[in-house]
């Protein structure tokens, strides 16, 4: 794993380039996206940009050393360009004109001294834990190989396939079995029967939530509070083990991602994933209608100097008031962010002060800005 980042440039000497065309999500305008590279993360971004399956036109396979020049030529006719490139190639072959979106981001949680106090500070969390208690959910830890087999085949694999469809990524059973040997399996039970579970892995003072799975009944994921039960009892188990930190695993690089928002509810800290060796280089030449709709629907987390920042569009018909700005900030801000860039389509109310570590920008002022100019404005 330590050497992988240095070998990746030699495994991707020629990268496929394609053009996608279709109706953009939310506003329904015709949009165009130029992509290089492939993978599950690329499919996710394309899905977020278009409202339905777009038309795909293959261009060519381009040598990685000529990729930046090819993208510059195609940018003039596209709303967005997205290049999936390993981070080493990014550093030496591309300029700073794009947002570097990590392929995945991580989240960690310091084991709290008092779980009840954690719930009291967040009324949404308090309500969710009430559901856990009302449904009589309990938890236990098992190290039995037979339980692992049941979990993998009847919960984990079906749950991931049902949730992500064609974009599902199933962990290798042998790798997951070895991981299970370093922590165990946490069951969530109702009336004595397992309805959900997650694989745990302990490394010194850190307990990692590796993968979770649930039974296939429609009511289980929503009505029974199983996900919150996994977190609550998992944190409780970490406290019993004497662990200081919980690794909550990876997420999509968007503040709008449901998994990341759930971790944020528990007070998680946004962090970089140590093995995210690919970045998506996202570029636009101007804030066209499709780009505005995309960033309003999918606030992106990007690398910003030595940390992570995020950008989102606040789509309003009138200038955003002070109260609305505070509401947007509290809905989006997450510990671990270096900065939050908020672009308002109708501007901000006169005399508006920026919330902490937030840059408020008017669309009229940045409409013709590419990502590099945008970050320059934010640093002035």
Protein backbone atom coordinates (compact mmCIF):
# COMPACT_ATOMS: atom_id res chain seq x y z
CA UNK A 1 0.00 0.00 0.00
CA UNK A 2 2.88 2.37 0.69
CA UNK A 3 4.28 1.88 -2.82
CA UNK A 4 0.91 1.92 -4.61
CA UNK A 5 0.71 5.69 -5.02
CA UNK A 6 4.05 5.68 -6.86
CA UNK A 7 3.11 2.86 -9.26
CA UNK A 8 -0.32 4.20 -10.26
CA UNK A 9 0.99 6.59 -12.98
CA UNK A 10 2.46 3.58 -14.80
CA UNK A 11 -0.81 1.61 -14.70
CA UNK A 12 -2.80 4.40 -16.37
CA UNK A 13 -0.61 5.47 -19.27
CA UNK A 14 -3.61 5.94 -21.58
CA UNK A 15 -6.90 7.23 -20.20
CA UNK A 16 -10.30 7.07 -21.99
CA UNK A 17 -11.97 10.42 -22.73
CA UNK A 18 -15.74 10.64 -23.22
CA UNK A 19 -18.41 13.34 -23.62
CA UNK A 20 -21.80 13.01 -21.88
CA UNK A 21 -24.84 15.02 -22.97
CA UNK A 22 -28.29 15.22 -21.44
CA UNK A 23 -30.70 17.18 -19.25
CA UNK A 24 -29.11 18.45 -16.07
CA UNK A 25 -30.60 17.59 -12.70
CA UNK A 26 -32.94 20.12 -11.05
CA UNK A 27 -33.11 22.76 -13.81
CA UNK A 28 -33.55 20.43 -16.83
CA UNK A 29 -31.25 22.43 -19.12
CA UNK A 30 -29.11 20.68 -21.70
CA UNK A 31 -25.71 20.04 -20.18
CA UNK A 32 -22.38 18.64 -21.34
CA UNK A 33 -19.73 16.90 -19.24
CA UNK A 34 -16.31 15.81 -20.49
CA UNK A 35 -14.83 12.94 -18.48
CA UNK A 36 -11.51 11.12 -18.37
CA UNK A 37 -11.09 7.90 -16.50
CA UNK A 38 -13.75 5.64 -15.06
CA UNK A 39 -14.85 4.06 -11.82
CA UNK A 40 -17.67 4.05 -9.31
CA UNK A 41 -16.94 7.60 -8.15
CA UNK A 42 -17.11 8.92 -11.70
CA UNK A 43 -20.49 7.25 -12.17
CA UNK A 44 -21.71 8.93 -8.98
CA UNK A 45 -20.75 12.43 -10.17
CA UNK A 46 -22.30 11.89 -13.60
CA UNK A 47 -25.48 10.61 -11.95
CA UNK A 48 -25.60 13.73 -9.74
CA UNK A 49 -25.19 16.03 -12.75
CA UNK A 50 -27.81 14.52 -15.08
CA UNK A 51 -31.46 13.84 -14.30
CA UNK A 52 -31.51 10.65 -16.38
CA UNK A 53 -29.08 8.43 -18.29
CA UNK A 54 -27.10 10.76 -20.61
CA UNK A 55 -25.84 10.04 -24.09
CA UNK A 56 -22.19 8.98 -24.12
CA UNK A 57 -19.75 9.70 -26.93
CA UNK A 58 -16.33 8.08 -26.75
CA UNK A 59 -13.55 10.42 -27.91
CA UNK A 60 -10.24 8.54 -27.63
CA UNK A 61 -7.68 7.06 -25.27
CA UNK A 62 -5.27 9.86 -24.39
CA UNK A 63 -1.73 9.47 -22.98
CA UNK A 64 -1.65 10.78 -19.43
CA UNK A 65 1.12 13.25 -20.33
CA UNK A 66 -1.18 14.82 -22.97
CA UNK A 67 -4.35 14.73 -20.89
CA UNK A 68 -4.22 18.31 -19.57
CA UNK A 69 -3.85 19.72 -23.09
CA UNK A 70 -6.74 17.59 -24.36
CA UNK A 71 -9.01 18.76 -21.56
CA UNK A 72 -8.15 22.41 -22.19
CA UNK A 73 -9.23 21.97 -25.81
CA UNK A 74 -12.55 20.38 -24.83
CA UNK A 75 -13.39 22.72 -21.93
CA UNK A 76 -14.67 25.47 -24.20
CA UNK A 77 -17.65 23.34 -25.30
CA UNK A 78 -18.47 21.73 -21.95
CA UNK A 79 -20.23 22.88 -18.81
CA UNK A 80 -18.01 20.67 -16.69
CA UNK A 81 -14.90 18.53 -17.08
CA UNK A 82 -14.11 15.74 -14.64
CA UNK A 83 -10.79 13.91 -14.78
CA UNK A 84 -10.06 10.93 -12.52
CA UNK A 85 -6.28 11.03 -12.11
CA UNK A 86 -3.90 9.57 -9.54
CA UNK A 87 -2.56 12.18 -7.15
CA UNK A 88 1.06 11.85 -8.27
CA UNK A 89 0.17 12.61 -11.90
CA UNK A 90 -2.04 15.46 -10.69
CA UNK A 91 0.91 17.06 -8.93
CA UNK A 92 3.30 16.97 -11.90
CA UNK A 93 1.08 17.12 -15.01
CA UNK A 94 -1.80 19.46 -14.14
CA UNK A 95 -2.01 23.09 -13.06
CA UNK A 96 -4.14 24.44 -10.20
CA UNK A 97 -7.09 25.44 -12.39
CA UNK A 98 -9.42 22.70 -11.14
CA UNK A 99 -10.93 21.62 -7.86
CA UNK A 100 -9.20 18.48 -6.62
CA UNK A 101 -12.04 16.35 -5.30
CA UNK A 102 -10.77 13.32 -3.32
CA UNK A 103 -12.29 10.06 -4.50
CA UNK A 104 -13.50 9.54 -0.95
CA UNK A 105 -13.38 11.30 2.41
CA UNK A 106 -13.26 9.85 5.88
CA UNK A 107 -14.92 10.62 9.20
CA UNK A 108 -13.78 10.03 12.76
CA UNK A 109 -15.45 10.40 16.13
CA UNK A 110 -13.81 10.90 19.49
CA UNK A 111 -15.37 8.44 21.93
CA UNK A 112 -17.55 10.63 24.16
CA UNK A 113 -17.42 10.41 27.94
CA UNK A 114 -21.21 10.69 28.17
CA UNK A 115 -23.41 9.30 25.39
CA UNK A 116 -26.54 10.79 26.95
CA UNK A 117 -25.03 14.27 26.83
CA UNK A 118 -24.13 13.77 23.16
CA UNK A 119 -27.79 13.00 22.40
CA UNK A 120 -29.04 15.98 24.41
CA UNK A 121 -26.99 18.38 22.30
CA UNK A 122 -28.74 17.27 19.08
CA UNK A 123 -32.53 17.02 19.11
CA UNK A 124 -32.55 15.02 15.84
CA UNK A 125 -30.24 12.45 17.40
CA UNK A 126 -32.30 12.43 20.58
CA UNK A 127 -35.46 11.65 18.58
CA UNK A 128 -33.70 8.90 16.60
CA UNK A 129 -32.42 7.20 19.74
CA UNK A 130 -35.96 7.29 21.13
CA UNK A 131 -36.95 5.12 18.15
CA UNK A 132 -34.16 2.68 19.05
CA UNK A 133 -35.50 2.36 22.60
CA UNK A 134 -39.14 2.19 21.50
CA UNK A 135 -38.39 -0.74 19.20
CA UNK A 136 -36.50 -2.59 21.92
CA UNK A 137 -33.28 -2.96 19.91
CA UNK A 138 -30.37 -4.67 21.65
CA UNK A 139 -26.79 -5.44 20.69
CA UNK A 140 -24.14 -8.08 21.24
CA UNK A 141 -20.70 -8.92 19.84
CA UNK A 142 -19.91 -12.26 18.23
CA UNK A 143 -16.70 -13.83 16.96
CA UNK A 144 -18.29 -16.99 15.53
CA UNK A 145 -17.36 -17.80 11.93
CA UNK A 146 -20.90 -19.03 11.26
CA UNK A 147 -22.31 -15.65 12.23
CA UNK A 148 -19.92 -13.95 9.83
CA UNK A 149 -21.15 -16.15 6.96
CA UNK A 150 -24.79 -15.35 7.77
CA UNK A 151 -24.07 -11.63 7.96
CA UNK A 152 -22.08 -11.51 4.71
CA UNK A 153 -24.48 -13.49 2.52
CA UNK A 154 -27.89 -12.55 3.95
CA UNK A 155 -27.35 -8.96 5.10
CA UNK A 156 -24.25 -7.22 3.80
CA UNK A 157 -24.28 -8.23 0.12
CA UNK A 158 -28.07 -7.85 -0.43
CA UNK A 159 -28.14 -4.53 1.45
CA UNK A 160 -25.30 -2.99 -0.59
CA UNK A 161 -26.78 -4.20 -3.88
CA UNK A 162 -30.26 -2.91 -3.04
CA UNK A 163 -28.90 0.43 -1.86
CA UNK A 164 -26.43 1.20 -4.66
CA UNK A 165 -27.69 -0.89 -7.58
CA UNK A 166 -25.25 -0.97 -10.49
CA UNK A 167 -22.83 1.27 -8.55
CA UNK A 168 -22.51 -1.19 -5.65
CA UNK A 169 -18.98 -2.10 -4.53
CA UNK A 170 -18.89 -5.40 -2.63
CA UNK A 171 -15.91 -6.00 -0.35
CA UNK A 172 -13.99 -9.23 -0.94
CA UNK A 173 -15.20 -11.92 1.46
CA UNK A 174 -11.67 -13.18 2.30
CA UNK A 175 -10.45 -9.65 3.13
CA UNK A 176 -13.54 -8.99 5.20
CA UNK A 177 -13.15 -12.32 7.05
CA UNK A 178 -9.58 -11.37 8.05
CA UNK A 179 -10.82 -7.97 9.21
CA UNK A 180 -13.58 -9.67 11.22
CA UNK A 181 -10.86 -11.62 13.04
CA UNK A 182 -9.45 -8.36 14.45
CA UNK A 183 -12.66 -7.06 15.98
CA UNK A 184 -15.76 -9.15 15.51
CA UNK A 185 -19.33 -8.69 14.39
CA UNK A 186 -21.83 -6.48 16.16
CA UNK A 187 -25.42 -7.73 15.94
CA UNK A 188 -28.48 -5.53 16.35
CA UNK A 189 -31.41 -7.66 17.51
CA UNK A 190 -35.14 -7.20 17.78
CA UNK A 191 -37.07 -9.78 19.80
CA UNK A 192 -33.86 -11.80 19.92
CA UNK A 193 -33.49 -12.02 16.13
CA UNK A 194 -30.60 -10.27 14.28
CA UNK A 195 -31.92 -7.57 11.93
CA UNK A 196 -28.67 -5.68 11.26
CA UNK A 197 -24.95 -5.92 11.91
CA UNK A 198 -21.55 -4.42 11.22
CA UNK A 199 -17.99 -5.68 11.08
CA UNK A 200 -15.67 -4.03 13.61
CA UNK A 201 -11.89 -3.83 13.52
CA UNK A 202 -9.71 -2.76 16.42
CA UNK A 203 -6.28 -1.22 15.97
CA UNK A 204 -4.86 -0.12 19.29
CA UNK A 205 -6.91 2.84 20.60
CA UNK A 206 -9.00 3.01 17.39
CA UNK A 207 -12.15 1.03 16.64
CA UNK A 208 -13.22 1.03 12.98
CA UNK A 209 -16.76 0.55 11.68
CA UNK A 210 -15.88 -1.39 8.52
CA UNK A 211 -19.13 -2.40 6.76
CA UNK A 212 -22.76 -2.75 7.78
CA UNK A 213 -25.69 -4.79 6.54
CA UNK A 214 -29.41 -5.16 7.25
CA UNK A 215 -32.20 -7.61 6.62
CA UNK A 216 -34.11 -7.05 3.40
CA UNK A 217 -37.56 -6.19 4.80
CA UNK A 218 -38.64 -2.70 3.76
CA UNK A 219 -39.41 -1.53 7.30
CA UNK A 220 -36.05 -2.41 8.81
CA UNK A 221 -33.73 0.33 7.50
CA UNK A 222 -36.20 3.16 8.15
CA UNK A 223 -38.68 2.36 10.90
CA UNK A 224 -36.59 0.38 13.35
CA UNK A 225 -33.65 2.80 13.74
CA UNK A 226 -31.04 0.13 12.99
CA UNK A 227 -28.36 2.50 11.69
CA UNK A 228 -28.57 4.67 14.81
CA UNK A 229 -28.53 1.52 16.93
CA UNK A 230 -25.33 0.38 15.20
CA UNK A 231 -23.72 3.73 16.00
CA UNK A 232 -25.01 3.96 19.57
CA UNK A 233 -24.05 0.44 20.60
CA UNK A 234 -20.83 0.60 18.55
CA UNK A 235 -19.75 3.72 20.46
CA UNK A 236 -20.71 2.03 23.69
CA UNK A 237 -18.55 -0.99 22.76
CA UNK A 238 -15.60 1.27 21.90
CA UNK A 239 -15.92 2.88 25.34
CA UNK A 240 -15.94 -0.54 27.02
CA UNK A 241 -12.77 -1.52 25.11
CA UNK A 242 -11.05 1.68 26.21
CA UNK A 243 -10.74 3.02 22.67
CA UNK A 244 -10.28 6.76 22.22
CA UNK A 245 -11.29 7.17 18.58
CA UNK A 246 -13.77 5.61 16.16
CA UNK A 247 -13.04 5.44 12.45
CA UNK A 248 -16.46 5.69 10.81
CA UNK A 249 -15.14 4.76 7.36
CA UNK A 250 -15.35 6.44 3.98
CA UNK A 251 -18.04 8.53 2.28
CA UNK A 252 -18.74 10.27 -1.00
CA UNK A 253 -16.94 13.65 -1.33
CA UNK A 254 -20.15 15.69 -0.99
CA UNK A 255 -21.81 17.41 1.95
CA UNK A 256 -25.11 16.27 0.42
CA UNK A 257 -24.22 12.58 0.71
CA UNK A 258 -26.68 10.85 3.03
CA UNK A 259 -24.03 8.67 4.68
CA UNK A 260 -21.82 11.67 5.46
CA UNK A 261 -24.78 13.66 6.79
CA UNK A 262 -25.64 10.79 9.14
CA UNK A 263 -22.09 10.76 10.49
CA UNK A 264 -22.21 14.53 10.88
CA UNK A 265 -25.32 14.11 13.06
CA UNK A 266 -23.22 12.10 15.51
CA UNK A 267 -20.59 14.86 15.69
CA UNK A 268 -18.07 13.26 13.32
CA UNK A 269 -14.95 15.07 12.13
CA UNK A 270 -14.30 15.20 8.37
CA UNK A 271 -10.83 13.83 7.53
CA UNK A 272 -8.84 12.72 4.50
CA UNK A 273 -8.80 9.04 3.68
CA UNK A 274 -5.20 7.76 3.82
CA UNK A 275 -5.65 5.43 0.83
CA UNK A 276 -7.58 7.78 -1.47
CA UNK A 277 -4.93 7.81 -4.20
CA UNK A 278 -7.17 9.24 -6.93
CA UNK A 279 -8.66 12.71 -7.28
CA UNK A 280 -11.42 14.03 -9.52
CA UNK A 281 -10.19 17.24 -11.13
CA UNK A 282 -13.41 19.21 -11.62
CA UNK A 283 -13.33 22.31 -13.82
CA UNK A 284 -15.81 24.78 -15.23
CA UNK A 285 -15.14 27.94 -17.23
CA UNK A 286 -18.25 29.72 -15.96
CA UNK A 287 -21.21 29.14 -13.67
CA UNK A 288 -23.65 27.99 -16.34
CA UNK A 289 -27.16 26.91 -15.40
CA UNK A 290 -26.25 23.19 -15.27
CA UNK A 291 -23.19 23.91 -13.09
CA UNK A 292 -25.30 25.99 -10.68
CA UNK A 293 -27.87 23.19 -10.47
CA UNK A 294 -25.15 20.58 -9.94
CA UNK A 295 -23.46 22.43 -7.06
CA UNK A 296 -26.82 23.24 -5.46
CA UNK A 297 -27.67 19.54 -5.46
CA UNK A 298 -24.14 18.18 -4.80
CA UNK A 299 -21.96 20.40 -2.55
CA UNK A 300 -18.43 19.20 -3.27
CA UNK A 301 -15.61 18.63 -0.77
CA UNK A 302 -12.23 19.53 -2.26
CA UNK A 303 -8.58 19.74 -1.26
CA UNK A 304 -7.73 23.25 -0.14
CA UNK A 305 -4.05 23.73 0.68
CA UNK A 306 -3.36 21.37 3.58
CA UNK A 307 -7.00 20.63 4.40
CA UNK A 308 -10.50 20.08 3.04
CA UNK A 309 -13.00 22.77 2.05
CA UNK A 310 -16.41 22.63 0.40
CA UNK A 311 -18.39 24.61 -2.15
CA UNK A 312 -22.15 24.84 -2.56
CA UNK A 313 -24.65 27.00 -4.42
CA UNK A 314 -27.56 28.51 -2.49
CA UNK A 315 -30.32 28.73 -5.09
CA UNK A 316 -32.84 31.39 -4.02
CA UNK A 317 -35.12 33.72 -5.99
CA UNK A 318 -34.36 36.62 -3.61
CA UNK A 319 -31.31 37.78 -1.68
CA UNK A 320 -30.51 35.47 1.24
CA UNK A 321 -31.32 37.03 4.60
CA UNK A 322 -29.13 36.83 7.68
CA UNK A 323 -31.40 34.21 9.27
CA UNK A 324 -31.43 32.10 6.09
CA UNK A 325 -27.63 32.34 5.84
CA UNK A 326 -27.26 31.05 9.41
CA UNK A 327 -29.66 28.20 8.63
CA UNK A 328 -27.73 27.22 5.49
CA UNK A 329 -24.46 27.35 7.40
CA UNK A 330 -25.69 25.12 10.23
CA UNK A 331 -27.16 22.67 7.73
CA UNK A 332 -23.90 22.34 5.78
CA UNK A 333 -20.98 23.06 8.09
CA UNK A 334 -19.06 20.05 9.38
CA UNK A 335 -16.10 19.94 11.76
CA UNK A 336 -12.90 19.30 9.83
CA UNK A 337 -13.67 21.74 7.03
CA UNK A 338 -11.09 24.44 6.47
CA UNK A 339 -13.52 26.72 4.68
CA UNK A 340 -17.05 26.71 3.24
CA UNK A 341 -17.70 28.60 -0.01
CA UNK A 342 -21.36 29.58 -0.48
CA UNK A 343 -22.43 31.07 -3.82
CA UNK A 344 -25.90 32.66 -3.75
CA UNK A 345 -27.76 32.91 -7.07
CA UNK A 346 -29.66 36.04 -5.95
CA UNK A 347 -26.94 37.42 -3.68
CA UNK A 348 -26.85 38.09 0.04
CA UNK A 349 -28.73 40.67 2.03
CA UNK A 350 -26.89 43.99 2.29
CA UNK A 351 -24.48 44.15 5.21
CA UNK A 352 -24.43 40.37 5.58
CA UNK A 353 -21.57 39.06 7.70
CA UNK A 354 -20.02 35.73 6.85
CA UNK A 355 -20.49 32.89 9.37
CA UNK A 356 -17.24 31.50 10.82
CA UNK A 357 -14.79 30.09 8.23
CA UNK A 358 -17.28 30.79 5.45
CA UNK A 359 -16.92 32.78 2.24
CA UNK A 360 -20.13 34.35 0.91
CA UNK A 361 -20.09 35.02 -2.83
CA UNK A 362 -22.66 36.48 -5.21
CA UNK A 363 -23.26 34.58 -8.44
CA UNK A 364 -23.26 37.84 -10.40
CA UNK A 365 -19.71 38.53 -9.20
CA UNK A 366 -18.30 35.06 -9.89
CA UNK A 367 -20.38 33.90 -12.87
CA UNK A 368 -17.35 33.91 -15.17
CA UNK A 369 -14.94 32.50 -12.57
CA UNK A 370 -13.28 29.14 -12.89
CA UNK A 371 -12.36 27.23 -9.68
CA UNK A 372 -8.92 28.82 -9.41
CA UNK A 373 -10.30 32.39 -9.59
CA UNK A 374 -13.01 31.46 -7.12
CA UNK A 375 -10.50 30.30 -4.51
CA UNK A 376 -8.43 33.44 -5.11
CA UNK A 377 -11.47 35.59 -4.32
CA UNK A 378 -12.03 33.58 -1.17
CA UNK A 379 -8.46 34.19 0.01
CA UNK A 380 -8.59 37.96 -0.48
